[in-house]
Amino acid sequence: MILIADGGSTKVHWCLMAANGQTTDVVTDGINPFFQTSDAMRNSINNQLLPQIGHLLWAGKVTHIFFYGAGCTPEKIPFVEKAIRGVFRSAEIIVASDMLGAARGLLGSQKGVACILGTGSGSCLYDGENIKWSVPSLGYILGDEGSAAVMGKRLVGDLLKNQLGEDLKKQFLERFELTQADIIEHVYRQPFPNRWLASLARFCSEHIEDKRIHDLVYDHFQDFVRRNVQQYYEVDGFENPETSQMPVGFVGSVAYYYRAVLEEVMDDYGFQMGKIMQDPIEGLKVYHQKDVIPTT
């Protein structure tokens, strides 16, 4: 049996896959080595994952664990490996970034561009097995175009700067029971302002039929495509023949719920739209079927 994990700061989606192809999916609290020690991550796995899958391990041992996670940079991977090995001592453990998980889930063994549009954003050029190179996301202050955090930031800024009409501004402030002072407090004085701004982006989905909101979301995705995706298809400002026919896949809640507007932007730029998935785990199940080894 093998374990596959799509890990984020909020939750981890685990899949236990047996040799006969049967899968069991469970969810635990988030794991992120930037915010947790190895001991804290191990305790989460031991106290939340094992109680949900322990009764299935009679059928054989877990031989491989593939953990794709937020915050899994080369410097932090050893801390996650240590945490997992503290629970699964005999398994082969492979820890990689959530970006590689998205690429493998979206594209399998096909070459292409993979993108994450969730609370944050990211993208990479994928060679069918590994990431070839990646435009840096830079976080919600310097980058993260296409993300919920930046969508929320732009929405709030435009509303308070009176760019979207008094009616939408009034609806927004009433919808979230906020004042301008409340917003300033959350953004500049409270922890995790990116998560808070991302939570406000749902106002856009609730009003996407309003042309003003549609145009804001369109411009938001256009910024992502222009500043990120386009780089994979150009060399010194000219079309790159090596990548011109490659598809662009998207994973994440923003891509999934705003897919109609995202498809408009991609079509206008002439890029080949690949899969759009809310969660890469289903694609990762297919990708890692080859790694399941029958055991006794």
C-alpha atoms as a PDB file:
ATOM      1  CA  MET A   1       0.000   0.000   0.000  1.00  0.00           C
ATOM      2  CA  ILE A   2       1.013   3.602  -0.510  1.00  0.00           C
ATOM      3  CA  LEU A   3      -0.015   6.892   1.050  1.00  0.00           C
ATOM      4  CA  ILE A   4      -0.449  10.052  -1.025  1.00  0.00           C
ATOM      5  CA  ALA A   5      -0.952  13.448   0.582  1.00  0.00           C
ATOM      6  CA  ASP A   6      -1.885  16.880  -0.709  1.00  0.00           C
ATOM      7  CA  GLY A   7      -0.886  19.073   2.212  1.00  0.00           C
ATOM      8  CA  GLY A   8      -1.792  22.641   3.021  1.00  0.00           C
ATOM      9  CA  SER A   9      -1.737  24.925   6.031  1.00  0.00           C
ATOM     10  CA  THR A  10      -5.464  24.404   6.637  1.00  0.00           C
ATOM     11  CA  LYS A  11      -5.886  20.702   5.852  1.00  0.00           C
ATOM     12  CA  VAL A  12      -4.135  17.626   4.471  1.00  0.00           C
ATOM     13  CA  HIS A  13      -5.989  15.341   2.067  1.00  0.00           C
ATOM     14  CA  TRP A  14      -4.566  11.808   2.440  1.00  0.00           C
ATOM     15  CA  CYS A  15      -5.251   8.811   0.215  1.00  0.00           C
ATOM     16  CA  LEU A  16      -4.364   5.236   1.179  1.00  0.00           C
ATOM     17  CA  MET A  17      -4.113   3.116  -1.970  1.00  0.00           C
ATOM     18  CA  ALA A  18      -4.049  -0.688  -1.858  1.00  0.00           C
ATOM     19  CA  ALA A  19      -2.592  -3.049  -4.448  1.00  0.00           C
ATOM     20  CA  ASN A  20      -6.062  -3.914  -5.744  1.00  0.00           C
ATOM     21  CA  GLY A  21      -6.681  -0.253  -6.585  1.00  0.00           C
ATOM     22  CA  GLN A  22      -9.002   0.395  -3.638  1.00  0.00           C
ATOM     23  CA  THR A  23      -8.530   3.849  -2.118  1.00  0.00           C
ATOM     24  CA  THR A  24      -9.483   5.416   1.189  1.00  0.00           C
ATOM     25  CA  ASP A  25      -9.513   9.209   1.544  1.00  0.00           C
ATOM     26  CA  VAL A  26      -9.223  11.013   4.866  1.00  0.00           C
ATOM     27  CA  VAL A  27      -8.623  14.610   5.927  1.00  0.00           C
ATOM     28  CA  THR A  28      -6.546  15.894   8.833  1.00  0.00           C
ATOM     29  CA  ASP A  29      -5.500  19.313  10.083  1.00  0.00           C
ATOM     30  CA  GLY A  30      -2.983  21.221   8.025  1.00  0.00           C
ATOM     31  CA  ILE A  31       0.761  20.618   8.016  1.00  0.00           C
ATOM     32  CA  ASN A  32       3.250  23.335   7.101  1.00  0.00           C
ATOM     33  CA  PRO A  33       6.919  23.166   8.178  1.00  0.00           C
ATOM     34  CA  PHE A  34       7.173  26.958   8.138  1.00  0.00           C
ATOM     35  CA  PHE A  35       4.743  27.137  11.051  1.00  0.00           C
ATOM     36  CA  GLN A  36       5.187  23.772  12.832  1.00  0.00           C
ATOM     37  CA  THR A  37       8.010  21.761  14.370  1.00  0.00           C
ATOM     38  CA  SER A  38       8.677  18.153  13.377  1.00  0.00           C
ATOM     39  CA  ASP A  39       7.178  17.039  16.694  1.00  0.00           C
ATOM     40  CA  ALA A  40       3.964  18.974  16.085  1.00  0.00           C
ATOM     41  CA  MET A  41       3.630  17.536  12.581  1.00  0.00           C
ATOM     42  CA  ARG A  42       4.330  13.999  13.856  1.00  0.00           C
ATOM     43  CA  ASN A  43       1.700  14.372  16.564  1.00  0.00           C
ATOM     44  CA  SER A  44      -0.846  15.505  13.974  1.00  0.00           C
ATOM     45  CA  ILE A  45      -0.176  12.433  11.845  1.00  0.00           C
ATOM     46  CA  ASN A  46      -0.147  10.083  14.824  1.00  0.00           C
ATOM     47  CA  ASN A  47      -3.273  11.477  16.497  1.00  0.00           C
ATOM     48  CA  GLN A  48      -5.416  12.276  13.460  1.00  0.00           C
ATOM     49  CA  LEU A  49      -4.347  10.113  10.519  1.00  0.00           C
ATOM     50  CA  LEU A  50      -3.631   6.775  12.195  1.00  0.00           C
ATOM     51  CA  PRO A  51      -7.008   6.535  13.992  1.00  0.00           C
ATOM     52  CA  GLN A  52      -8.718   6.874  10.595  1.00  0.00           C
ATOM     53  CA  ILE A  53      -6.646   4.338   8.639  1.00  0.00           C
ATOM     54  CA  GLY A  54      -5.193   2.057  11.322  1.00  0.00           C
ATOM     55  CA  HIS A  55      -7.928  -0.546  10.875  1.00  0.00           C
ATOM     56  CA  LEU A  56      -6.949  -0.890   7.201  1.00  0.00           C
ATOM     57  CA  LEU A  57      -3.283  -1.635   7.762  1.00  0.00           C
ATOM     58  CA  TRP A  58      -3.932  -5.311   8.543  1.00  0.00           C
ATOM     59  CA  ALA A  59      -3.957  -5.882   4.754  1.00  0.00           C
ATOM     60  CA  GLY A  60      -0.279  -4.974   4.437  1.00  0.00           C
ATOM     61  CA  LYS A  61       2.279  -2.349   5.254  1.00  0.00           C
ATOM     62  CA  VAL A  62       2.667   1.104   3.751  1.00  0.00           C
ATOM     63  CA  THR A  63       5.706   0.847   1.471  1.00  0.00           C
ATOM     64  CA  HIS A  64       5.826   4.387   0.066  1.00  0.00           C
ATOM     65  CA  ILE A  65       4.553   7.782   1.188  1.00  0.00           C
ATOM     66  CA  PHE A  66       4.324  10.682  -1.255  1.00  0.00           C
ATOM     67  CA  PHE A  67       3.723  13.957   0.572  1.00  0.00           C
ATOM     68  CA  TYR A  68       3.212  17.107  -1.520  1.00  0.00           C
ATOM     69  CA  GLY A  69       2.922  20.101   0.739  1.00  0.00           C
ATOM     70  CA  ALA A  70       2.795  23.839   1.155  1.00  0.00           C
ATOM     71  CA  GLY A  71       6.029  25.137   2.630  1.00  0.00           C
ATOM     72  CA  CYS A  72       7.983  22.071   1.490  1.00  0.00           C
ATOM     73  CA  THR A  73      11.030  23.924   0.232  1.00  0.00           C
ATOM     74  CA  PRO A  74      14.380  22.089  -0.021  1.00  0.00           C
ATOM     75  CA  GLU A  75      15.348  23.541   3.370  1.00  0.00           C
ATOM     76  CA  LYS A  76      12.151  22.384   5.076  1.00  0.00           C
ATOM     77  CA  ILE A  77      11.704  18.942   3.482  1.00  0.00           C
ATOM     78  CA  PRO A  78      13.919  17.166   6.072  1.00  0.00           C
ATOM     79  CA  PHE A  79      11.651  18.366   8.891  1.00  0.00           C
ATOM     80  CA  VAL A  80       8.579  16.865   7.197  1.00  0.00           C
ATOM     81  CA  GLU A  81      10.432  13.627   6.434  1.00  0.00           C
ATOM     82  CA  LYS A  82      11.438  13.370  10.095  1.00  0.00           C
ATOM     83  CA  ALA A  83       7.830  13.872  11.211  1.00  0.00           C
ATOM     84  CA  ILE A  84       6.464  11.207   8.879  1.00  0.00           C
ATOM     85  CA  ARG A  85       9.257   8.747   9.700  1.00  0.00           C
ATOM     86  CA  GLY A  86       8.385   9.099  13.359  1.00  0.00           C
ATOM     87  CA  VAL A  87       5.084   7.351  12.543  1.00  0.00           C
ATOM     88  CA  PHE A  88       5.876   5.195   9.494  1.00  0.00           C
ATOM     89  CA  ARG A  89       9.363   3.903  10.262  1.00  0.00           C
ATOM     90  CA  SER A  90       9.810   1.391   7.429  1.00  0.00           C
ATOM     91  CA  ALA A  91       8.209   3.276   4.514  1.00  0.00           C
ATOM     92  CA  GLU A  92      10.120   5.029   1.770  1.00  0.00           C
ATOM     93  CA  ILE A  93       9.222   8.710   2.170  1.00  0.00           C
ATOM     94  CA  ILE A  94       9.221  11.256  -0.638  1.00  0.00           C
ATOM     95  CA  VAL A  95       8.377  14.862   0.272  1.00  0.00           C
ATOM     96  CA  ALA A  96       7.985  17.522  -2.409  1.00  0.00           C
ATOM     97  CA  SER A  97       6.345  20.903  -2.967  1.00  0.00           C
ATOM     98  CA  ASP A  98       2.633  21.399  -3.478  1.00  0.00           C
ATOM     99  CA  MET A  99       3.563  22.844  -6.883  1.00  0.00           C
ATOM    100  CA  LEU A 100       4.993  19.493  -8.015  1.00  0.00           C
ATOM    101  CA  GLY A 101       1.878  17.794  -6.636  1.00  0.00           C
ATOM    102  CA  ALA A 102      -0.302  20.124  -8.669  1.00  0.00           C
ATOM    103  CA  ALA A 103       1.732  19.469 -11.820  1.00  0.00           C
ATOM    104  CA  ARG A 104       1.604  15.697 -11.462  1.00  0.00           C
ATOM    105  CA  GLY A 105      -2.073  15.767 -10.541  1.00  0.00           C
ATOM    106  CA  LEU A 106      -2.992  17.958 -13.502  1.00  0.00           C
ATOM    107  CA  LEU A 107      -0.632  16.703 -16.188  1.00  0.00           C
ATOM    108  CA  GLY A 108       0.453  13.213 -15.161  1.00  0.00           C
ATOM    109  CA  SER A 109       3.367  12.362 -17.451  1.00  0.00           C
ATOM    110  CA  GLN A 110       2.490  15.041 -20.010  1.00  0.00           C
ATOM    111  CA  LYS A 111       4.601  18.155 -20.459  1.00  0.00           C
ATOM    112  CA  GLY A 112       2.867  21.450 -19.765  1.00  0.00           C
ATOM    113  CA  VAL A 113       2.356  24.396 -17.470  1.00  0.00           C
ATOM    114  CA  ALA A 114       0.716  23.861 -14.086  1.00  0.00           C
ATOM    115  CA  CYS A 115      -0.815  26.629 -11.989  1.00  0.00           C
ATOM    116  CA  ILE A 116      -2.198  26.900  -8.458  1.00  0.00           C
ATOM    117  CA  LEU A 117      -4.889  29.490  -7.807  1.00  0.00           C
ATOM    118  CA  GLY A 118      -6.006  29.300  -4.199  1.00  0.00           C
ATOM    119  CA  THR A 119      -5.367  31.559  -1.215  1.00  0.00           C
ATOM    120  CA  GLY A 120      -1.982  32.118  -2.877  1.00  0.00           C
ATOM    121  CA  SER A 121      -0.841  31.342  -6.401  1.00  0.00           C
ATOM    122  CA  GLY A 122       2.000  29.612  -8.179  1.00  0.00           C
ATOM    123  CA  SER A 123       3.017  28.215 -11.545  1.00  0.00           C
ATOM    124  CA  CYS A 124       5.678  26.056 -13.156  1.00  0.00           C
ATOM    125  CA  LEU A 125       6.890  24.520 -16.390  1.00  0.00           C
ATOM    126  CA  TYR A 126       6.661  20.735 -15.995  1.00  0.00           C
ATOM    127  CA  ASP A 127       8.615  18.201 -18.077  1.00  0.00           C
ATOM    128  CA  GLY A 128       6.361  15.216 -17.410  1.00  0.00           C
ATOM    129  CA  GLU A 129       8.087  14.183 -14.189  1.00  0.00           C
ATOM    130  CA  ASN A 130       9.613  17.196 -12.462  1.00  0.00           C
ATOM    131  CA  ILE A 131       9.468  20.987 -12.417  1.00  0.00           C
ATOM    132  CA  LYS A 132      11.783  22.450 -15.045  1.00  0.00           C
ATOM    133  CA  TRP A 133      11.522  26.038 -13.799  1.00  0.00           C
ATOM    134  CA  SER A 134       9.093  28.322 -12.055  1.00  0.00           C
ATOM    135  CA  VAL A 135       8.225  32.017 -12.041  1.00  0.00           C
ATOM    136  CA  PRO A 136       8.411  33.092  -8.370  1.00  0.00           C
ATOM    137  CA  SER A 137       5.032  33.770  -6.759  1.00  0.00           C
ATOM    138  CA  LEU A 138       6.468  36.325  -4.249  1.00  0.00           C
ATOM    139  CA  GLY A 139       3.476  36.359  -1.912  1.00  0.00           C
ATOM    140  CA  TYR A 140       0.411  38.575  -1.844  1.00  0.00           C
ATOM    141  CA  ILE A 141       2.304  41.874  -1.437  1.00  0.00           C
ATOM    142  CA  LEU A 142       4.740  41.529  -4.340  1.00  0.00           C
ATOM    143  CA  GLY A 143       2.966  38.914  -6.440  1.00  0.00           C
ATOM    144  CA  ASP A 144       0.405  36.104  -6.050  1.00  0.00           C
ATOM    145  CA  GLU A 145      -1.577  37.399  -9.018  1.00  0.00           C
ATOM    146  CA  GLY A 146      -4.661  35.240  -9.574  1.00  0.00           C
ATOM    147  CA  SER A 147      -4.976  34.297  -5.905  1.00  0.00           C
ATOM    148  CA  ALA A 148      -7.923  34.814  -3.563  1.00  0.00           C
ATOM    149  CA  ALA A 149      -5.772  37.005  -1.310  1.00  0.00           C
ATOM    150  CA  VAL A 150      -4.905  39.429  -4.103  1.00  0.00           C
ATOM    151  CA  MET A 151      -8.451  39.334  -5.466  1.00  0.00           C
ATOM    152  CA  GLY A 152      -9.701  40.312  -2.012  1.00  0.00           C
ATOM    153  CA  LYS A 153      -7.034  43.006  -1.694  1.00  0.00           C
ATOM    154  CA  ARG A 154      -7.968  44.533  -5.034  1.00  0.00           C
ATOM    155  CA  LEU A 155     -11.698  44.290  -4.305  1.00  0.00           C
ATOM    156  CA  VAL A 156     -11.370  46.065  -0.958  1.00  0.00           C
ATOM    157  CA  GLY A 157      -9.050  48.727  -2.366  1.00  0.00           C
ATOM    158  CA  ASP A 158     -11.339  49.471  -5.305  1.00  0.00           C
ATOM    159  CA  LEU A 159     -14.420  49.621  -3.101  1.00  0.00           C
ATOM    160  CA  LEU A 160     -12.870  51.960  -0.546  1.00  0.00           C
ATOM    161  CA  LYS A 161     -11.394  54.116  -3.318  1.00  0.00           C
ATOM    162  CA  ASN A 162     -14.911  54.442  -4.798  1.00  0.00           C
ATOM    163  CA  GLN A 163     -14.030  52.660  -8.042  1.00  0.00           C
ATOM    164  CA  LEU A 164     -16.949  50.230  -8.102  1.00  0.00           C
ATOM    165  CA  GLY A 165     -19.947  52.367  -7.181  1.00  0.00           C
ATOM    166  CA  GLU A 166     -21.594  53.326  -3.923  1.00  0.00           C
ATOM    167  CA  ASP A 167     -24.150  50.499  -4.210  1.00  0.00           C
ATOM    168  CA  LEU A 168     -21.539  47.723  -4.278  1.00  0.00           C
ATOM    169  CA  LYS A 169     -19.538  49.385  -1.516  1.00  0.00           C
ATOM    170  CA  LYS A 170     -22.628  49.517   0.704  1.00  0.00           C
ATOM    171  CA  GLN A 171     -23.509  45.881  -0.059  1.00  0.00           C
ATOM    172  CA  PHE A 172     -19.973  44.747   0.716  1.00  0.00           C
ATOM    173  CA  LEU A 173     -19.689  46.547   4.061  1.00  0.00           C
ATOM    174  CA  GLU A 174     -23.111  45.267   5.127  1.00  0.00           C
ATOM    175  CA  ARG A 175     -22.409  41.734   3.882  1.00  0.00           C
ATOM    176  CA  PHE A 176     -19.308  41.375   6.060  1.00  0.00           C
ATOM    177  CA  GLU A 177     -20.414  43.806   8.812  1.00  0.00           C
ATOM    178  CA  LEU A 178     -17.305  45.934   8.349  1.00  0.00           C
ATOM    179  CA  THR A 179     -16.264  49.547   8.536  1.00  0.00           C
ATOM    180  CA  GLN A 180     -13.230  51.114   6.908  1.00  0.00           C
ATOM    181  CA  ALA A 181     -11.561  51.156  10.325  1.00  0.00           C
ATOM    182  CA  ASP A 182     -12.219  47.422  10.728  1.00  0.00           C
ATOM    183  CA  ILE A 183     -10.571  46.736   7.381  1.00  0.00           C
ATOM    184  CA  ILE A 184      -7.480  48.777   8.254  1.00  0.00           C
ATOM    185  CA  GLU A 185      -7.227  46.921  11.562  1.00  0.00           C
ATOM    186  CA  HIS A 186      -7.390  43.476   9.901  1.00  0.00           C
ATOM    187  CA  VAL A 187      -4.948  44.296   7.125  1.00  0.00           C
ATOM    188  CA  TYR A 188      -2.294  46.212   9.030  1.00  0.00           C
ATOM    189  CA  ARG A 189      -2.521  44.997  12.623  1.00  0.00           C
ATOM    190  CA  GLN A 190      -3.943  41.479  12.722  1.00  0.00           C
ATOM    191  CA  PRO A 191      -2.068  38.238  11.883  1.00  0.00           C
ATOM    192  CA  PHE A 192      -2.471  36.487   8.500  1.00  0.00           C
ATOM    193  CA  PRO A 193      -4.023  39.394   6.556  1.00  0.00           C
ATOM    194  CA  ASN A 194      -3.656  37.358   3.357  1.00  0.00           C
ATOM    195  CA  ARG A 195      -6.086  34.720   4.671  1.00  0.00           C
ATOM    196  CA  TRP A 196      -8.524  37.385   5.798  1.00  0.00           C
ATOM    197  CA  LEU A 197      -8.413  39.177   2.434  1.00  0.00           C
ATOM    198  CA  ALA A 198      -8.900  35.820   0.684  1.00  0.00           C
ATOM    199  CA  SER A 199     -12.072  35.236   2.710  1.00  0.00           C
ATOM    200  CA  LEU A 200     -13.547  38.469   1.294  1.00  0.00           C
ATOM    201  CA  ALA A 201     -13.014  37.380  -2.308  1.00  0.00           C
ATOM    202  CA  ARG A 202     -16.193  35.303  -2.210  1.00  0.00           C
ATOM    203  CA  PHE A 203     -18.085  38.583  -2.624  1.00  0.00           C
ATOM    204  CA  CYS A 204     -16.855  38.470  -6.224  1.00  0.00           C
ATOM    205  CA  SER A 205     -18.398  35.051  -6.863  1.00  0.00           C
ATOM    206  CA  GLU A 206     -21.674  36.257  -5.343  1.00  0.00           C
ATOM    207  CA  HIS A 207     -21.752  39.242  -7.732  1.00  0.00           C
ATOM    208  CA  ILE A 208     -19.966  37.841 -10.783  1.00  0.00           C
ATOM    209  CA  GLU A 209     -22.945  38.703 -13.004  1.00  0.00           C
ATOM    210  CA  ASP A 210     -22.343  42.389 -12.275  1.00  0.00           C
ATOM    211  CA  LYS A 211     -20.118  43.694 -15.081  1.00  0.00           C
ATOM    212  CA  ARG A 212     -18.011  45.711 -12.660  1.00  0.00           C
ATOM    213  CA  ILE A 213     -17.114  42.602 -10.664  1.00  0.00           C
ATOM    214  CA  HIS A 214     -16.719  40.469 -13.780  1.00  0.00           C
ATOM    215  CA  ASP A 215     -14.248  42.980 -15.178  1.00  0.00           C
ATOM    216  CA  LEU A 216     -12.314  43.079 -11.894  1.00  0.00           C
ATOM    217  CA  VAL A 217     -11.980  39.271 -11.904  1.00  0.00           C
ATOM    218  CA  TYR A 218     -11.088  39.261 -15.612  1.00  0.00           C
ATOM    219  CA  ASP A 219      -8.322  41.825 -15.038  1.00  0.00           C
ATOM    220  CA  HIS A 220      -7.144  39.844 -12.018  1.00  0.00           C
ATOM    221  CA  PHE A 221      -6.682  36.672 -14.092  1.00  0.00           C
ATOM    222  CA  GLN A 222      -5.220  38.669 -16.945  1.00  0.00           C
ATOM    223  CA  ASP A 223      -2.498  39.894 -14.584  1.00  0.00           C
ATOM    224  CA  PHE A 224      -1.717  36.285 -13.659  1.00  0.00           C
ATOM    225  CA  VAL A 225      -1.514  35.130 -17.260  1.00  0.00           C
ATOM    226  CA  ARG A 226       0.509  38.129 -18.433  1.00  0.00           C
ATOM    227  CA  ARG A 227       2.990  38.156 -15.528  1.00  0.00           C
ATOM    228  CA  ASN A 228       3.338  34.385 -15.088  1.00  0.00           C
ATOM    229  CA  VAL A 229       1.952  32.024 -17.725  1.00  0.00           C
ATOM    230  CA  GLN A 230       3.140  34.044 -20.699  1.00  0.00           C
ATOM    231  CA  GLN A 231       6.770  33.723 -19.615  1.00  0.00           C
ATOM    232  CA  TYR A 232       6.728  29.969 -20.204  1.00  0.00           C
ATOM    233  CA  TYR A 233       5.703  30.472 -23.820  1.00  0.00           C
ATOM    234  CA  GLU A 234       8.139  33.196 -24.817  1.00  0.00           C
ATOM    235  CA  VAL A 235      11.879  33.573 -25.271  1.00  0.00           C
ATOM    236  CA  ASP A 236      13.110  37.170 -25.497  1.00  0.00           C
ATOM    237  CA  GLY A 237       9.606  38.312 -26.384  1.00  0.00           C
ATOM    238  CA  PHE A 238       9.064  35.718 -29.115  1.00  0.00           C
ATOM    239  CA  GLU A 239       7.052  32.505 -29.112  1.00  0.00           C
ATOM    240  CA  ASN A 240       8.999  29.519 -27.769  1.00  0.00           C
ATOM    241  CA  PRO A 241       8.465  26.625 -30.229  1.00  0.00           C
ATOM    242  CA  GLU A 242       9.313  24.094 -27.501  1.00  0.00           C
ATOM    243  CA  THR A 243       6.350  25.101 -25.360  1.00  0.00           C
ATOM    244  CA  SER A 244       3.866  26.682 -27.787  1.00  0.00           C
ATOM    245  CA  GLN A 245       1.578  23.631 -27.922  1.00  0.00           C
ATOM    246  CA  MET A 246       1.705  22.722 -24.243  1.00  0.00           C
ATOM    247  CA  PRO A 247      -1.540  22.871 -22.217  1.00  0.00           C
ATOM    248  CA  VAL A 248      -2.001  25.017 -19.115  1.00  0.00           C
ATOM    249  CA  GLY A 249      -3.690  23.289 -16.174  1.00  0.00           C
ATOM    250  CA  PHE A 250      -5.092  24.888 -13.033  1.00  0.00           C
ATOM    251  CA  VAL A 251      -5.742  23.592  -9.550  1.00  0.00           C
ATOM    252  CA  GLY A 252      -7.301  25.365  -6.566  1.00  0.00           C
ATOM    253  CA  SER A 253     -10.591  26.814  -5.392  1.00  0.00           C
ATOM    254  CA  VAL A 254     -10.204  30.125  -7.246  1.00  0.00           C
ATOM    255  CA  ALA A 255      -9.560  28.419 -10.584  1.00  0.00           C
ATOM    256  CA  TYR A 256     -12.406  25.969  -9.949  1.00  0.00           C
ATOM    257  CA  TYR A 257     -15.100  28.447  -8.953  1.00  0.00           C
ATOM    258  CA  TYR A 258     -14.163  31.191 -11.416  1.00  0.00           C
ATOM    259  CA  ARG A 259     -13.416  28.861 -14.306  1.00  0.00           C
ATOM    260  CA  ALA A 260     -15.745  30.639 -16.742  1.00  0.00           C
ATOM    261  CA  VAL A 261     -13.871  33.936 -16.436  1.00  0.00           C
ATOM    262  CA  LEU A 262     -10.503  32.167 -16.372  1.00  0.00           C
ATOM    263  CA  GLU A 263     -11.384  30.367 -19.612  1.00  0.00           C
ATOM    264  CA  GLU A 264     -12.286  33.717 -21.187  1.00  0.00           C
ATOM    265  CA  VAL A 265      -8.858  35.106 -20.373  1.00  0.00           C
ATOM    266  CA  MET A 266      -7.014  32.020 -21.572  1.00  0.00           C
ATOM    267  CA  ASP A 267      -8.959  32.023 -24.823  1.00  0.00           C
ATOM    268  CA  ASP A 268      -8.262  35.726 -25.380  1.00  0.00           C
ATOM    269  CA  TYR A 269      -4.532  35.070 -24.913  1.00  0.00           C
ATOM    270  CA  GLY A 270      -4.630  32.044 -27.210  1.00  0.00           C
ATOM    271  CA  PHE A 271      -3.369  29.483 -24.695  1.00  0.00           C
ATOM    272  CA  GLN A 272      -4.486  25.852 -24.697  1.00  0.00           C
ATOM    273  CA  MET A 273      -6.598  25.274 -21.593  1.00  0.00           C
ATOM    274  CA  GLY A 274      -5.866  22.032 -19.784  1.00  0.00           C
ATOM    275  CA  LYS A 275      -7.647  20.544 -16.788  1.00  0.00           C
ATOM    276  CA  ILE A 276      -9.148  22.641 -14.006  1.00  0.00           C
ATOM    277  CA  MET A 277      -9.289  20.786 -10.682  1.00  0.00           C
ATOM    278  CA  GLN A 278     -10.290  21.898  -7.227  1.00  0.00           C
ATOM    279  CA  ASP A 279      -7.937  19.350  -5.652  1.00  0.00           C
ATOM    280  CA  PRO A 280      -5.016  17.473  -7.294  1.00  0.00           C
ATOM    281  CA  ILE A 281      -5.495  14.276  -5.296  1.00  0.00           C
ATOM    282  CA  GLU A 282      -7.554  12.456  -7.960  1.00  0.00           C
ATOM    283  CA  GLY A 283      -4.851  13.064 -10.543  1.00  0.00           C
ATOM    284  CA  LEU A 284      -2.159  12.015  -8.063  1.00  0.00           C
ATOM    285  CA  LYS A 285      -3.949   8.711  -7.527  1.00  0.00           C
ATOM    286  CA  VAL A 286      -3.631   7.971 -11.236  1.00  0.00           C
ATOM    287  CA  TYR A 287      -0.014   9.164 -11.376  1.00  0.00           C
ATOM    288  CA  HIS A 288       1.091   6.966  -8.453  1.00  0.00           C
ATOM    289  CA  GLN A 289      -0.756   3.761  -9.367  1.00  0.00           C
ATOM    290  CA  LYS A 290       2.550   2.469 -10.727  1.00  0.00           C
ATOM    291  CA  ASP A 291       4.096   2.772  -7.274  1.00  0.00           C
ATOM    292  CA  VAL A 292       1.737   0.355  -5.518  1.00  0.00           C
ATOM    293  CA  ILE A 293       3.544  -2.885  -4.665  1.00  0.00           C
ATOM    294  CA  PRO A 294       1.548  -5.919  -3.447  1.00  0.00           C
ATOM    295  CA  THR A 295       2.624  -6.793   0.105  1.00  0.00           C
ATOM    296  CA  THR A 296       1.718  -9.350   2.707  1.00  0.00           C
END
